[in-house]
Amino acid sequence: MSSDKGSLPGTVFTRGERLRRTAVSTLLSVAGGALIFGSFPPRTLWFLAPLGIALLALVLTGFGGRRSVPLKAGFGYGFAAGLGFFVPLLPWIGVYVGPMPWLALAAAESVFVGLFGVLGVLAARSSWWPLAMALAWSLTEWLRSSVPFGGFPWGRLAFGQPEGWLLPLASIGGAPLLSFGVALTGTGTAALLVTVGRRDGMRSYLGPVAATTVASIVALALLPTLHTDDTPEGNERTVTVAAVQGSVPRLGLDFNAQRRAVLDNHVRETMALAADVEAGRQPAPDLVVWPENASDIDPLRNSDAATLITQASVAVGAPILVGTVLVNADGTNTNSVIAWNGTNGPGERHDKKIIQPFGEYLPFRSFFRLFSEYADRAGYFVPGTGNGVVRTAGIAAGIATCYEVAFDRALEESVRAGAEFIAIPTNNATFGDTEMTYQQLAMSRVRAVEHGRTVVVAATSGVSAIVSPSGDVLQQTPLFTADVLVSRVVLRQSQTVATRLGSGSELVLCLAAVVALGAALVTGRRRPSS
């Protein structure tokens, strides 16, 4: 009968005991991932995320060093935690195309959490393992937000924290620092549990446990510095912005089969707003925001669409940011937002720069069509250029179209270039009645705090919202209902520390992770084996 020696001298485990311990650790890892998922909207259980990280950290440290964890096991536990998180987080991917794309993406993203498991086992060799492990999370979160195909940042710890007390950290170091704060809280909690359960070694854990309180103290200290209202400062001014949710004739991948109907819906709701303004029921808007795909008929090529948009803009007395699909000379498309100002017609525009793989375009199309009949439904979109700022009627709007809001660089560039408020035109009709739209709204709330800007979300079928610079949802529409939101918005000119630092905060975290993990690796090799 085979045996296994743990890290405690004299401990011998039978094969059955070893398998049982592995099974228990795997189940605990899955539970850790599930707890992280439970922290994400539409739930407001943000505190579950650090608990999930704490549970996974306990597994990766062998419950405080009571037993050693091999690197291969670390990968397996991390991968299991990833499945526990991504499988319930991403079912909207396959709501109309079947489970294969959903489960394939969940498994692919779980590989990165598996990598965190390996790094977490290495970090456990350090006496400051809570800090090293939290930095390892930041490193792997950056990696999966970058590769492959430009990365997939969906599900970053930060995006489950719009209600959390660490949210103000986003104004200092953006989403990367907020994620790190959550991870550090989790690993610190694990260290505290280990300390409580041990009679010796208290001194070695007091430092790491104390370090995990820094994020909370800094976040609470930052609360008074956040913009909690829309009071102009200095030369800032306020304008009235309207978000139009015209809804769609039907949900699913063919939501825009009746493209004229989608355009008509948004024209109709804008005309209704104009009537309310004339009757004194609504204030006159200075700018109207339509969603992504509000006009999938190219208004630069189709005179009927151009006429309808012009009529709506003239009626409401304001320029409209029109989400549209433009047809290029080579047959490709751009996902664009055009500032359409009455009879003056189209002005500045934002062509979506970060386009969605396997949706707006399909890498290796000939290969993937072998596995799915939906492969050829992927678009032929090409990325645009520019800084993401669209100016019209003296207003500078920073645009992040749908998928772009998940990427730090999109809004960082536009706010640095002078964006005074943020507009997020999005189309969620292809994802049905799922949690996707609430997950995306949470990202918009984090971005509002990160850049100190009001965020106006305009969605075809919902959820549309007005978000204050402090991340609070001021107004929100229901799903699948035509509606209009109107709000006064401060055109901010100041920049947060996070905006000025840009990617610098994430670079510092990643470099610190490399240093901490390198030190842990060296320390682990020097330790005598038991």
Protein backbone atom coordinates (compact mmCIF):
# COMPACT_ATOMS: atom_id res chain seq x y z
CA MET A 1 0.00 0.00 0.00
CA SER A 2 1.42 3.37 -1.02
CA SER A 3 1.76 6.25 1.36
CA ASP A 4 2.19 9.98 1.15
CA LYS A 5 4.13 12.17 3.56
CA GLY A 6 2.78 15.58 4.29
CA SER A 7 4.79 18.56 5.42
CA LEU A 8 4.41 17.60 9.09
CA PRO A 9 7.15 15.19 10.24
CA GLY A 10 6.00 11.67 10.77
CA THR A 11 2.70 12.09 8.93
CA VAL A 12 1.91 9.19 6.62
CA PHE A 13 -1.17 9.02 4.39
CA THR A 14 -2.56 5.99 2.62
CA ARG A 15 -3.57 6.22 -1.02
CA GLY A 16 -7.22 6.38 0.01
CA GLU A 17 -6.59 9.20 2.46
CA ARG A 18 -4.61 11.08 -0.16
CA LEU A 19 -7.42 10.73 -2.71
CA ARG A 20 -9.95 11.85 -0.13
CA ARG A 21 -7.90 14.93 0.73
CA THR A 22 -7.50 15.75 -2.96
CA ALA A 23 -11.23 15.39 -3.55
CA VAL A 24 -12.06 17.60 -0.58
CA SER A 25 -9.57 20.26 -1.71
CA THR A 26 -11.01 20.17 -5.23
CA LEU A 27 -14.56 20.62 -3.94
CA LEU A 28 -13.42 23.49 -1.72
CA SER A 29 -11.73 25.09 -4.73
CA VAL A 30 -14.94 24.86 -6.77
CA ALA A 31 -16.80 26.35 -3.80
CA GLY A 32 -14.28 29.21 -3.72
CA GLY A 33 -14.97 29.96 -7.38
CA ALA A 34 -18.71 29.77 -6.78
CA LEU A 35 -18.40 32.28 -3.95
CA ILE A 36 -16.63 34.70 -6.28
CA PHE A 37 -19.44 34.25 -8.81
CA GLY A 38 -21.99 34.94 -6.08
CA SER A 39 -20.42 38.36 -5.54
CA PHE A 40 -21.29 39.50 -9.07
CA PRO A 41 -24.43 41.45 -10.12
CA PRO A 42 -27.35 41.32 -10.16
CA ARG A 43 -26.57 40.16 -6.62
CA THR A 44 -25.06 42.69 -4.21
CA LEU A 45 -23.09 40.13 -2.19
CA TRP A 46 -19.73 41.75 -2.93
CA PHE A 47 -18.21 40.38 0.32
CA LEU A 48 -18.35 36.84 -1.08
CA ALA A 49 -15.43 37.55 -3.42
CA PRO A 50 -12.75 37.86 -0.71
CA LEU A 51 -14.25 34.83 1.03
CA GLY A 52 -13.90 32.84 -2.20
CA ILE A 53 -10.27 33.96 -2.57
CA ALA A 54 -9.66 33.05 1.10
CA LEU A 55 -11.01 29.54 0.59
CA LEU A 56 -8.85 28.99 -2.48
CA ALA A 57 -5.81 30.43 -0.67
CA LEU A 58 -6.29 27.96 2.18
CA VAL A 59 -6.31 25.09 -0.31
CA LEU A 60 -3.18 26.34 -2.11
CA THR A 61 -1.24 26.77 1.14
CA GLY A 62 -2.16 23.28 2.32
CA PHE A 63 -4.32 24.91 5.01
CA GLY A 64 -1.50 26.97 6.44
CA GLY A 65 1.35 24.59 5.75
CA ARG A 66 -0.19 21.51 7.33
CA ARG A 67 0.67 19.67 4.14
CA SER A 68 2.58 20.45 0.98
CA VAL A 69 0.74 21.14 -2.28
CA PRO A 70 2.48 20.06 -5.53
CA LEU A 71 2.52 22.53 -8.42
CA LYS A 72 0.41 20.19 -10.56
CA ALA A 73 -2.19 20.03 -7.81
CA GLY A 74 -2.08 23.82 -7.56
CA PHE A 75 -3.00 24.06 -11.23
CA GLY A 76 -5.82 21.57 -10.77
CA TYR A 77 -7.26 23.39 -7.76
CA GLY A 78 -7.03 26.72 -9.56
CA PHE A 79 -8.66 25.30 -12.67
CA ALA A 80 -11.48 23.83 -10.58
CA ALA A 81 -12.01 27.22 -8.92
CA GLY A 82 -12.09 28.80 -12.37
CA LEU A 83 -14.83 26.44 -13.50
CA GLY A 84 -16.77 27.16 -10.33
CA PHE A 85 -16.61 30.83 -11.25
CA PHE A 86 -16.81 31.07 -15.05
CA VAL A 87 -19.34 28.33 -15.79
CA PRO A 88 -22.16 30.12 -13.90
CA LEU A 89 -20.85 33.59 -14.88
CA LEU A 90 -20.91 33.14 -18.68
CA PRO A 91 -24.03 31.19 -19.76
CA TRP A 92 -25.17 34.26 -21.72
CA ILE A 93 -22.46 33.39 -24.26
CA GLY A 94 -24.44 30.35 -25.38
CA VAL A 95 -28.02 31.43 -24.81
CA TYR A 96 -28.80 31.32 -28.57
CA VAL A 97 -25.88 29.26 -29.92
CA GLY A 98 -25.83 26.28 -27.58
CA PRO A 99 -23.55 25.31 -24.70
CA MET A 100 -20.33 24.59 -26.61
CA PRO A 101 -19.06 28.22 -26.95
CA TRP A 102 -20.06 28.96 -23.35
CA LEU A 103 -18.32 25.94 -21.85
CA ALA A 104 -15.28 26.29 -24.13
CA LEU A 105 -14.79 29.91 -23.07
CA ALA A 106 -15.32 29.04 -19.40
CA ALA A 107 -12.70 26.30 -19.65
CA ALA A 108 -10.25 28.55 -21.49
CA GLU A 109 -10.55 31.31 -18.89
CA SER A 110 -10.22 28.75 -16.10
CA VAL A 111 -6.74 27.92 -17.40
CA PHE A 112 -5.64 31.35 -16.18
CA VAL A 113 -7.02 30.63 -12.72
CA GLY A 114 -5.13 27.34 -12.91
CA LEU A 115 -1.98 29.35 -13.56
CA PHE A 116 -2.83 31.39 -10.48
CA GLY A 117 -3.01 28.09 -8.59
CA VAL A 118 0.57 27.29 -9.61
CA LEU A 119 1.78 30.75 -8.63
CA GLY A 120 -0.22 30.55 -5.41
CA VAL A 121 1.62 27.37 -4.41
CA LEU A 122 4.91 29.17 -5.07
CA ALA A 123 3.73 32.20 -3.09
CA ALA A 124 2.87 29.93 -0.15
CA ARG A 125 6.61 29.38 0.37
CA SER A 126 7.02 33.02 1.42
CA SER A 127 6.46 34.25 4.97
CA TRP A 128 4.52 37.10 3.34
CA TRP A 129 2.44 34.75 1.23
CA PRO A 130 -0.85 36.73 1.56
CA LEU A 131 0.76 39.67 -0.23
CA ALA A 132 2.61 37.51 -2.76
CA MET A 133 -0.54 35.52 -3.55
CA ALA A 134 -2.66 38.65 -4.03
CA LEU A 135 -0.03 40.02 -6.39
CA ALA A 136 -0.08 36.68 -8.25
CA TRP A 137 -3.83 37.17 -8.77
CA SER A 138 -3.15 40.61 -10.25
CA LEU A 139 -0.53 39.15 -12.59
CA THR A 140 -2.81 36.41 -13.92
CA GLU A 141 -5.77 38.79 -14.18
CA TRP A 142 -3.64 41.07 -16.34
CA LEU A 143 -2.57 38.11 -18.46
CA ARG A 144 -6.08 36.87 -19.21
CA SER A 145 -7.15 40.46 -19.92
CA SER A 146 -4.44 40.63 -22.60
CA VAL A 147 -4.28 37.27 -24.41
CA PRO A 148 -5.35 35.57 -26.59
CA PHE A 149 -7.11 37.70 -29.23
CA GLY A 150 -6.71 40.82 -27.11
CA GLY A 151 -7.81 39.12 -23.89
CA PHE A 152 -11.11 38.73 -22.08
CA PRO A 153 -11.31 40.94 -18.93
CA TRP A 154 -14.88 39.87 -18.13
CA GLY A 155 -15.09 38.62 -14.56
CA ARG A 156 -12.25 40.64 -13.05
CA LEU A 157 -12.68 40.84 -9.28
CA ALA A 158 -13.13 44.61 -9.57
CA PHE A 159 -16.26 44.23 -11.67
CA GLY A 160 -18.14 42.53 -8.84
CA GLN A 161 -17.50 45.41 -6.43
CA PRO A 162 -19.72 48.39 -7.36
CA GLU A 163 -21.38 48.07 -3.93
CA GLY A 164 -18.21 47.14 -2.04
CA TRP A 165 -16.37 49.32 0.45
CA LEU A 166 -13.14 49.05 -1.53
CA LEU A 167 -14.70 50.73 -4.60
CA PRO A 168 -12.90 54.08 -3.95
CA LEU A 169 -9.60 52.33 -4.70
CA ALA A 170 -10.64 52.50 -8.37
CA SER A 171 -10.10 56.28 -8.32
CA ILE A 172 -6.44 55.71 -7.36
CA GLY A 173 -5.36 52.66 -9.34
CA GLY A 174 -8.35 51.79 -11.50
CA ALA A 175 -9.80 48.31 -11.82
CA PRO A 176 -6.36 46.65 -11.30
CA LEU A 177 -5.90 48.16 -7.84
CA LEU A 178 -9.50 47.39 -6.88
CA SER A 179 -9.04 43.74 -7.88
CA PHE A 180 -5.79 43.60 -5.93
CA GLY A 181 -7.52 45.05 -2.86
CA VAL A 182 -10.19 42.36 -3.01
CA ALA A 183 -7.61 39.61 -3.52
CA LEU A 184 -5.46 40.92 -0.65
CA THR A 185 -8.49 41.02 1.64
CA GLY A 186 -9.15 37.39 0.76
CA THR A 187 -5.61 36.14 1.25
CA GLY A 188 -5.33 38.15 4.46
CA THR A 189 -8.53 36.55 5.72
CA ALA A 190 -7.01 33.15 4.99
CA ALA A 191 -3.87 34.10 6.93
CA LEU A 192 -5.99 35.23 9.86
CA LEU A 193 -7.83 31.90 9.90
CA VAL A 194 -4.50 30.06 9.83
CA THR A 195 -3.21 32.19 12.70
CA VAL A 196 -6.29 31.52 14.81
CA GLY A 197 -5.94 27.80 14.20
CA ARG A 198 -2.28 27.62 15.21
CA ARG A 199 -0.70 27.98 18.61
CA ASP A 200 2.71 28.78 17.22
CA GLY A 201 3.82 31.00 14.41
CA MET A 202 1.57 33.89 15.44
CA ARG A 203 4.34 36.41 14.99
CA SER A 204 5.04 35.41 11.41
CA TYR A 205 1.43 36.02 10.42
CA LEU A 206 0.77 39.28 12.24
CA GLY A 207 2.55 41.33 9.56
CA PRO A 208 0.72 39.87 6.56
CA VAL A 209 -2.64 40.08 8.34
CA ALA A 210 -1.99 43.71 9.27
CA ALA A 211 -0.99 44.49 5.69
CA THR A 212 -4.38 43.42 4.38
CA THR A 213 -6.10 46.19 6.34
CA VAL A 214 -4.26 48.88 4.36
CA ALA A 215 -6.59 48.60 1.35
CA SER A 216 -9.68 49.11 3.50
CA ILE A 217 -8.16 52.05 5.39
CA VAL A 218 -7.07 53.76 2.16
CA ALA A 219 -10.48 53.15 0.56
CA LEU A 220 -12.37 54.60 3.51
CA ALA A 221 -10.02 57.58 3.62
CA LEU A 222 -10.76 58.24 -0.06
CA LEU A 223 -14.53 58.34 0.38
CA PRO A 224 -14.68 62.10 1.10
CA THR A 225 -12.66 62.83 -2.05
CA LEU A 226 -15.16 61.18 -4.42
CA HIS A 227 -17.67 63.29 -6.28
CA THR A 228 -20.93 62.38 -4.56
CA ASP A 229 -23.12 64.83 -6.47
CA ASP A 230 -23.25 66.68 -9.76
CA THR A 231 -22.14 70.07 -8.46
CA PRO A 232 -19.86 71.84 -10.96
CA GLU A 233 -16.41 72.88 -9.81
CA GLY A 234 -14.42 75.81 -11.19
CA ASN A 235 -15.18 76.29 -14.87
CA GLU A 236 -17.24 73.10 -15.16
CA ARG A 237 -20.83 73.27 -16.40
CA THR A 238 -23.85 71.04 -16.51
CA VAL A 239 -25.84 69.84 -19.50
CA THR A 240 -28.94 67.72 -19.93
CA VAL A 241 -28.35 64.32 -21.51
CA ALA A 242 -31.01 61.82 -22.60
CA ALA A 243 -30.50 58.08 -23.13
CA VAL A 244 -32.99 56.42 -25.48
CA GLN A 245 -33.84 52.71 -25.16
CA GLY A 246 -36.00 51.95 -28.17
CA SER A 247 -36.08 48.16 -27.61
CA VAL A 248 -36.12 45.60 -30.43
CA PRO A 249 -38.83 43.63 -32.25
CA ARG A 250 -37.44 40.34 -30.98
CA LEU A 251 -34.48 38.94 -29.08
CA GLY A 252 -31.82 36.53 -30.25
CA LEU A 253 -29.11 36.51 -32.89
CA ASP A 254 -31.58 37.76 -35.51
CA PHE A 255 -32.78 40.69 -33.40
CA ASN A 256 -31.82 43.05 -36.23
CA ALA A 257 -33.45 41.08 -39.04
CA GLN A 258 -35.97 43.93 -39.02
CA ARG A 259 -33.34 46.64 -39.06
CA ARG A 260 -35.77 49.34 -40.07
CA ALA A 261 -38.01 48.41 -37.13
CA VAL A 262 -35.11 48.89 -34.68
CA LEU A 263 -34.34 52.30 -36.16
CA ASP A 264 -38.02 53.22 -36.14
CA ASN A 265 -38.25 52.31 -32.45
CA HIS A 266 -35.48 54.72 -31.53
CA VAL A 267 -36.85 57.47 -33.75
CA ARG A 268 -40.29 56.99 -32.18
CA GLU A 269 -38.97 57.24 -28.61
CA THR A 270 -36.94 60.33 -29.51
CA MET A 271 -40.02 61.93 -31.04
CA ALA A 272 -41.96 61.11 -27.87
CA LEU A 273 -39.21 62.82 -25.86
CA ALA A 274 -39.51 65.87 -28.12
CA ALA A 275 -43.26 65.95 -27.45
CA ASP A 276 -42.63 65.75 -23.69
CA VAL A 277 -40.15 68.61 -23.94
CA GLU A 278 -42.63 70.74 -25.85
CA ALA A 279 -45.31 69.97 -23.24
CA GLY A 280 -42.97 70.85 -20.39
CA ARG A 281 -42.88 67.32 -18.97
CA GLN A 282 -39.15 66.91 -19.63
CA PRO A 283 -36.27 69.39 -19.81
CA ALA A 284 -34.82 70.02 -23.25
CA PRO A 285 -31.75 67.81 -23.76
CA ASP A 286 -28.45 69.19 -24.96
CA LEU A 287 -27.43 65.75 -26.22
CA VAL A 288 -29.23 62.46 -26.90
CA VAL A 289 -27.47 59.07 -26.72
CA TRP A 290 -28.77 56.17 -28.80
CA PRO A 291 -27.56 52.58 -28.23
CA GLU A 292 -25.17 50.48 -30.24
CA ASN A 293 -26.92 49.13 -33.36
CA ALA A 294 -29.78 51.63 -33.05
CA SER A 295 -29.41 52.03 -36.81
CA ASP A 296 -27.94 48.95 -38.43
CA ILE A 297 -28.84 50.63 -41.69
CA ASP A 298 -25.82 52.67 -42.71
CA PRO A 299 -27.09 56.29 -42.71
CA LEU A 300 -24.08 57.44 -44.73
CA ARG A 301 -25.21 55.20 -47.60
CA ASN A 302 -28.97 55.02 -47.04
CA SER A 303 -30.89 58.28 -47.49
CA ASP A 304 -34.02 56.96 -45.75
CA ALA A 305 -32.11 56.22 -42.54
CA ALA A 306 -30.35 59.60 -42.74
CA THR A 307 -33.70 61.39 -43.15
CA LEU A 308 -35.23 59.64 -40.13
CA ILE A 309 -32.25 60.44 -37.90
CA THR A 310 -32.24 64.06 -39.06
CA GLN A 311 -35.95 64.40 -38.33
CA ALA A 312 -35.49 62.98 -34.83
CA SER A 313 -32.57 65.32 -34.10
CA VAL A 314 -34.43 68.38 -35.39
CA ALA A 315 -37.56 67.47 -33.40
CA VAL A 316 -35.71 67.06 -30.11
CA GLY A 317 -33.53 70.08 -30.78
CA ALA A 318 -30.25 68.34 -29.97
CA PRO A 319 -27.54 66.28 -31.62
CA ILE A 320 -27.83 62.50 -31.33
CA LEU A 321 -24.98 60.07 -30.76
CA VAL A 322 -26.18 57.38 -33.17
CA GLY A 323 -24.96 53.81 -32.80
CA THR A 324 -24.74 52.41 -36.30
CA VAL A 325 -23.00 49.90 -38.55
CA LEU A 326 -21.08 51.40 -41.46
CA VAL A 327 -20.27 49.49 -44.63
CA ASN A 328 -16.74 50.05 -45.88
CA ALA A 329 -15.63 50.02 -49.49
CA ASP A 330 -13.91 46.65 -49.07
CA GLY A 331 -17.05 45.01 -47.71
CA THR A 332 -15.98 45.09 -44.06
CA ASN A 333 -17.90 46.92 -41.36
CA THR A 334 -17.18 49.35 -38.56
CA ASN A 335 -19.26 49.54 -35.39
CA SER A 336 -19.59 53.30 -35.10
CA VAL A 337 -21.11 56.09 -33.05
CA ILE A 338 -21.81 59.22 -35.12
CA ALA A 339 -22.69 62.65 -33.74
CA TRP A 340 -25.70 63.60 -35.89
CA ASN A 341 -26.67 67.24 -35.47
CA GLY A 342 -29.98 68.11 -37.11
CA THR A 343 -29.83 69.32 -40.70
CA ASN A 344 -26.03 69.59 -40.41
CA GLY A 345 -26.01 65.80 -40.46
CA PRO A 346 -23.07 63.62 -39.42
CA GLY A 347 -20.12 65.07 -37.56
CA GLU A 348 -17.39 63.43 -35.50
CA ARG A 349 -17.58 59.70 -34.88
CA HIS A 350 -16.05 56.89 -32.87
CA ASP A 351 -15.30 53.63 -34.66
CA LYS A 352 -15.14 50.83 -32.12
CA LYS A 353 -11.46 50.01 -31.57
CA ILE A 354 -11.73 46.88 -29.43
CA ILE A 355 -13.93 44.49 -31.35
CA GLN A 356 -15.24 41.22 -30.02
CA PRO A 357 -13.63 38.01 -31.31
CA PHE A 358 -16.07 35.23 -32.23
CA GLY A 359 -18.82 37.85 -32.49
CA GLU A 360 -17.87 40.90 -34.51
CA TYR A 361 -15.12 38.95 -36.23
CA LEU A 362 -14.01 35.34 -36.25
CA PRO A 363 -10.32 34.43 -36.07
CA PHE A 364 -9.47 31.24 -37.96
CA ARG A 365 -12.94 31.22 -39.52
CA SER A 366 -12.33 28.19 -41.74
CA PHE A 367 -11.28 26.18 -38.67
CA PHE A 368 -14.09 27.14 -36.33
CA ARG A 369 -16.83 26.63 -38.90
CA LEU A 370 -16.01 22.92 -38.62
CA PHE A 371 -17.36 22.96 -35.06
CA SER A 372 -20.37 25.27 -35.20
CA GLU A 373 -23.02 26.15 -37.73
CA TYR A 374 -23.06 29.65 -36.21
CA ALA A 375 -19.46 30.40 -37.21
CA ASP A 376 -20.43 32.27 -40.36
CA ARG A 377 -22.81 34.46 -38.37
CA ALA A 378 -19.77 36.17 -36.90
CA GLY A 379 -19.27 39.57 -38.49
CA TYR A 380 -16.57 41.03 -40.67
CA PHE A 381 -15.89 44.06 -38.52
CA VAL A 382 -12.57 45.87 -38.44
CA PRO A 383 -11.24 48.01 -35.57
CA GLY A 384 -11.26 51.77 -35.81
CA THR A 385 -8.72 54.35 -34.74
CA GLY A 386 -8.93 57.57 -32.75
CA ASN A 387 -8.99 58.47 -29.07
CA GLY A 388 -12.61 57.67 -28.28
CA VAL A 389 -13.73 61.29 -27.90
CA VAL A 390 -16.69 62.58 -29.93
CA ARG A 391 -17.34 66.33 -29.77
CA THR A 392 -20.61 67.95 -30.69
CA ALA A 393 -22.46 71.09 -29.58
CA GLY A 394 -19.54 71.99 -27.32
CA ILE A 395 -19.73 68.67 -25.43
CA ALA A 396 -16.87 66.15 -25.36
CA ALA A 397 -18.20 62.62 -24.86
CA GLY A 398 -15.91 59.68 -24.16
CA ILE A 399 -17.29 56.63 -25.98
CA ALA A 400 -16.78 52.98 -25.07
CA THR A 401 -19.07 50.82 -27.17
CA CYS A 402 -20.39 47.73 -25.38
CA TYR A 403 -17.45 45.28 -25.12
CA GLU A 404 -14.94 48.14 -24.89
CA VAL A 405 -16.05 49.08 -21.36
CA ALA A 406 -14.34 45.93 -20.04
CA PHE A 407 -10.91 47.19 -21.17
CA ASP A 408 -8.99 49.74 -19.10
CA ARG A 409 -7.32 51.38 -22.06
CA ALA A 410 -10.52 52.42 -23.85
CA LEU A 411 -11.83 55.02 -21.43
CA GLU A 412 -8.42 55.85 -20.02
CA GLU A 413 -7.47 57.18 -23.46
CA SER A 414 -10.69 59.12 -24.01
CA VAL A 415 -10.74 60.82 -20.59
CA ARG A 416 -7.09 61.77 -20.95
CA ALA A 417 -7.98 63.25 -24.35
CA GLY A 418 -10.60 65.53 -22.79
CA ALA A 419 -13.82 63.52 -22.42
CA GLU A 420 -16.13 65.35 -19.99
CA PHE A 421 -18.59 62.52 -19.49
CA ILE A 422 -18.75 58.90 -20.59
CA ALA A 423 -21.31 57.31 -22.90
CA ILE A 424 -21.66 53.54 -23.13
CA PRO A 425 -23.87 52.63 -26.11
CA THR A 426 -24.54 48.89 -25.99
CA ASN A 427 -26.69 46.20 -27.54
CA ASN A 428 -27.65 43.33 -25.23
CA ALA A 429 -30.53 41.95 -27.27
CA THR A 430 -28.38 39.04 -28.43
CA PHE A 431 -28.04 37.79 -24.85
CA GLY A 432 -31.70 37.55 -23.90
CA ASP A 433 -32.87 37.58 -20.30
CA THR A 434 -29.49 36.83 -18.72
CA GLU A 435 -27.22 38.45 -16.16
CA MET A 436 -24.95 39.84 -18.86
CA THR A 437 -26.47 43.32 -18.90
CA TYR A 438 -26.13 43.66 -15.11
CA GLN A 439 -22.53 42.50 -15.23
CA GLN A 440 -21.83 45.13 -17.87
CA LEU A 441 -23.59 47.84 -15.86
CA ALA A 442 -21.32 46.99 -12.92
CA MET A 443 -18.30 47.67 -15.15
CA SER A 444 -19.76 51.06 -16.05
CA ARG A 445 -20.15 51.87 -12.35
CA VAL A 446 -16.51 51.00 -11.68
CA ARG A 447 -15.44 53.14 -14.66
CA ALA A 448 -17.43 56.08 -13.30
CA VAL A 449 -15.41 55.99 -10.07
CA GLU A 450 -12.16 55.22 -11.86
CA HIS A 451 -12.38 58.38 -13.97
CA GLY A 452 -14.63 60.60 -11.86
CA ARG A 453 -17.16 60.95 -14.68
CA THR A 454 -20.90 60.56 -15.03
CA VAL A 455 -21.64 57.51 -17.18
CA VAL A 456 -24.67 57.31 -19.46
CA VAL A 457 -25.50 53.76 -20.56
CA ALA A 458 -27.84 53.48 -23.55
CA ALA A 459 -28.90 49.91 -24.37
CA THR A 460 -31.19 48.70 -27.14
CA SER A 461 -33.23 46.39 -24.90
CA GLY A 462 -31.84 47.36 -21.48
CA VAL A 463 -30.51 47.92 -18.98
CA SER A 464 -29.94 51.63 -19.67
CA ALA A 465 -28.76 53.77 -16.76
CA ILE A 466 -27.39 57.06 -15.51
CA VAL A 467 -24.43 56.50 -13.15
CA SER A 468 -22.96 59.22 -10.94
CA PRO A 469 -19.19 59.78 -10.62
CA SER A 470 -19.36 57.99 -7.26
CA GLY A 471 -20.73 54.85 -8.94
CA ASP A 472 -24.34 55.19 -7.79
CA VAL A 473 -27.11 54.31 -10.24
CA LEU A 474 -29.29 57.42 -10.40
CA GLN A 475 -31.76 56.12 -12.98
CA GLN A 476 -32.29 52.72 -14.58
CA THR A 477 -34.66 51.21 -17.11
CA PRO A 478 -36.24 47.75 -17.02
CA LEU A 479 -35.36 45.11 -19.59
CA PHE A 480 -37.23 44.77 -22.89
CA THR A 481 -39.15 48.04 -22.47
CA ALA A 482 -38.96 51.17 -24.59
CA ASP A 483 -37.94 54.01 -22.31
CA VAL A 484 -36.04 57.30 -22.07
CA LEU A 485 -33.80 58.57 -19.26
CA VAL A 486 -33.12 62.29 -18.87
CA SER A 487 -30.59 63.70 -16.41
CA ARG A 488 -28.43 66.71 -15.67
CA VAL A 489 -24.77 65.82 -16.13
CA VAL A 490 -21.66 67.66 -14.98
CA LEU A 491 -19.03 67.98 -17.66
CA ARG A 492 -15.95 67.16 -15.58
CA GLN A 493 -12.54 68.45 -16.50
CA SER A 494 -10.43 67.24 -13.57
CA GLN A 495 -8.71 63.86 -13.74
CA THR A 496 -8.46 61.24 -11.05
CA VAL A 497 -5.16 59.72 -9.98
CA ALA A 498 -6.20 56.52 -11.78
CA THR A 499 -6.71 58.40 -15.04
CA ARG A 500 -3.32 60.09 -14.76
CA LEU A 501 -1.54 56.85 -13.85
CA GLY A 502 -3.23 54.86 -16.58
CA SER A 503 -1.68 51.43 -16.99
CA GLY A 504 1.07 52.39 -14.54
CA SER A 505 -0.75 50.95 -11.54
CA GLU A 506 -1.15 47.56 -13.21
CA LEU A 507 2.48 47.61 -14.32
CA VAL A 508 3.61 48.20 -10.74
CA LEU A 509 1.41 45.36 -9.47
CA CYS A 510 2.72 42.95 -12.10
CA LEU A 511 6.36 43.85 -11.47
CA ALA A 512 5.81 43.49 -7.73
CA ALA A 513 4.29 40.06 -8.39
CA VAL A 514 7.36 38.94 -10.34
CA VAL A 515 9.64 40.13 -7.54
CA ALA A 516 7.53 38.55 -4.78
CA LEU A 517 7.19 35.23 -6.58
CA GLY A 518 10.89 35.17 -7.43
CA ALA A 519 11.75 35.78 -3.79
CA ALA A 520 9.34 33.03 -2.73
CA LEU A 521 10.91 30.62 -5.19
CA VAL A 522 14.42 31.36 -3.91
CA THR A 523 13.32 31.15 -0.28
CA GLY A 524 11.55 27.87 -0.89
CA ARG A 525 14.66 26.32 -2.43
CA ARG A 526 16.82 27.38 0.51
CA ARG A 527 14.53 25.89 3.13
CA PRO A 528 15.66 22.52 4.38
CA SER A 529 13.27 19.69 3.61
CA SER A 530 11.45 18.17 6.56
